[in-house]
């Protein structure tokens, strides 16, 4: 499927909020998986929870950013999501 033309993309604030929501959902999923593991990695779980809390704080800060900053933040969230997905440990 082709990407929509640039002028049809949602405004940067909407894109940033959506990217943040997707990233938070990924964190929630990883945290839940970690808690269900037979031998949870408590250090990794604590790191994931701390990172999720930082992202929740980010949500409040988005309103003060320029469109260009919002686009940069969106790219960062998307990259972090990809990194989080690729760093997922094998199921035990």
Protein backbone atom coordinates (compact mmCIF):
# COMPACT_ATOMS: atom_id res chain seq x y z
CA UNK A 1 0.00 0.00 0.00
CA UNK A 2 1.38 3.42 -0.93
CA UNK A 3 1.81 6.15 1.65
CA UNK A 4 -0.68 9.00 1.38
CA UNK A 5 0.54 12.22 -0.16
CA UNK A 6 2.27 14.57 2.29
CA UNK A 7 -0.67 17.01 2.27
CA UNK A 8 -3.04 14.23 3.37
CA UNK A 9 -1.01 13.18 6.40
CA UNK A 10 -2.40 14.09 9.79
CA UNK A 11 -0.94 17.13 11.47
CA UNK A 12 2.36 16.52 13.32
CA UNK A 13 0.74 16.58 16.76
CA UNK A 14 -1.68 13.82 15.78
CA UNK A 15 1.15 11.76 14.29
CA UNK A 16 3.29 12.18 17.40
CA UNK A 17 0.42 11.20 19.71
CA UNK A 18 -0.32 8.13 17.58
CA UNK A 19 3.36 7.09 17.54
CA UNK A 20 3.53 7.54 21.32
CA UNK A 21 0.37 5.48 21.81
CA UNK A 22 1.80 2.66 19.67
CA UNK A 23 5.09 2.75 21.59
CA UNK A 24 3.32 2.73 24.96
CA UNK A 25 1.27 -0.27 23.82
CA UNK A 26 4.49 -2.10 22.92
CA UNK A 27 5.90 -1.33 26.35
CA UNK A 28 2.73 -2.57 28.03
CA UNK A 29 2.94 -5.79 26.03
CA UNK A 30 6.61 -6.37 26.97
CA UNK A 31 5.93 -5.61 30.63
CA UNK A 32 3.01 -8.05 30.68
CA UNK A 33 5.15 -10.72 29.00
CA UNK A 34 7.91 -10.15 31.53
CA UNK A 35 5.52 -10.53 34.43
CA UNK A 36 4.11 -13.76 32.98
CA UNK A 37 7.56 -15.31 32.39
CA UNK A 38 8.45 -18.39 34.40
CA UNK A 39 11.69 -16.72 35.51
CA UNK A 40 11.16 -12.98 35.10
CA UNK A 41 14.18 -10.80 34.39
CA UNK A 42 13.48 -8.29 37.15
CA UNK A 43 16.19 -5.89 36.00
CA UNK A 44 14.80 -5.73 32.46
CA UNK A 45 11.26 -5.45 33.78
CA UNK A 46 12.23 -2.53 36.03
CA UNK A 47 13.94 -0.81 33.07
CA UNK A 48 10.85 -1.24 30.89
CA UNK A 49 8.59 0.17 33.60
CA UNK A 50 10.90 3.18 34.09
CA UNK A 51 11.06 3.84 30.34
CA UNK A 52 7.28 3.61 30.10
CA UNK A 53 6.92 6.17 32.90
CA UNK A 54 9.24 8.55 31.02
CA UNK A 55 7.07 8.17 27.92
CA UNK A 56 3.96 9.00 29.93
CA UNK A 57 5.69 12.22 31.01
CA UNK A 58 6.53 12.94 27.35
CA UNK A 59 2.84 13.04 26.52
CA UNK A 60 2.44 16.25 28.53
CA UNK A 61 5.42 17.86 26.82
CA UNK A 62 4.24 17.29 23.24
CA UNK A 63 1.91 20.29 23.28
CA UNK A 64 4.82 22.73 23.57
CA UNK A 65 6.77 21.44 20.56
CA UNK A 66 6.95 22.92 17.08
CA UNK A 67 5.78 20.92 14.05
CA UNK A 68 9.38 20.10 13.13
CA UNK A 69 10.14 18.94 16.66
CA UNK A 70 6.99 16.82 16.65
CA UNK A 71 8.10 15.14 13.43
CA UNK A 72 11.49 14.41 14.98
CA UNK A 73 9.87 13.01 18.12
CA UNK A 74 7.59 10.84 15.97
CA UNK A 75 10.64 9.37 14.20
CA UNK A 76 12.30 8.73 17.56
CA UNK A 77 9.22 6.93 18.91
CA UNK A 78 9.00 4.79 15.78
CA UNK A 79 12.69 3.89 16.02
CA UNK A 80 12.37 3.07 19.72
CA UNK A 81 9.43 0.81 18.92
CA UNK A 82 11.45 -1.03 16.28
CA UNK A 83 14.37 -1.35 18.70
CA UNK A 84 12.09 -2.62 21.45
CA UNK A 85 10.62 -5.21 19.08
CA UNK A 86 14.05 -6.39 17.94
CA UNK A 87 15.38 -6.65 21.51
CA UNK A 88 12.55 -8.88 22.71
CA UNK A 89 14.04 -11.98 24.37
CA UNK A 90 13.03 -15.40 23.14
CA UNK A 91 10.03 -16.90 24.91
CA UNK A 92 11.04 -19.20 27.72
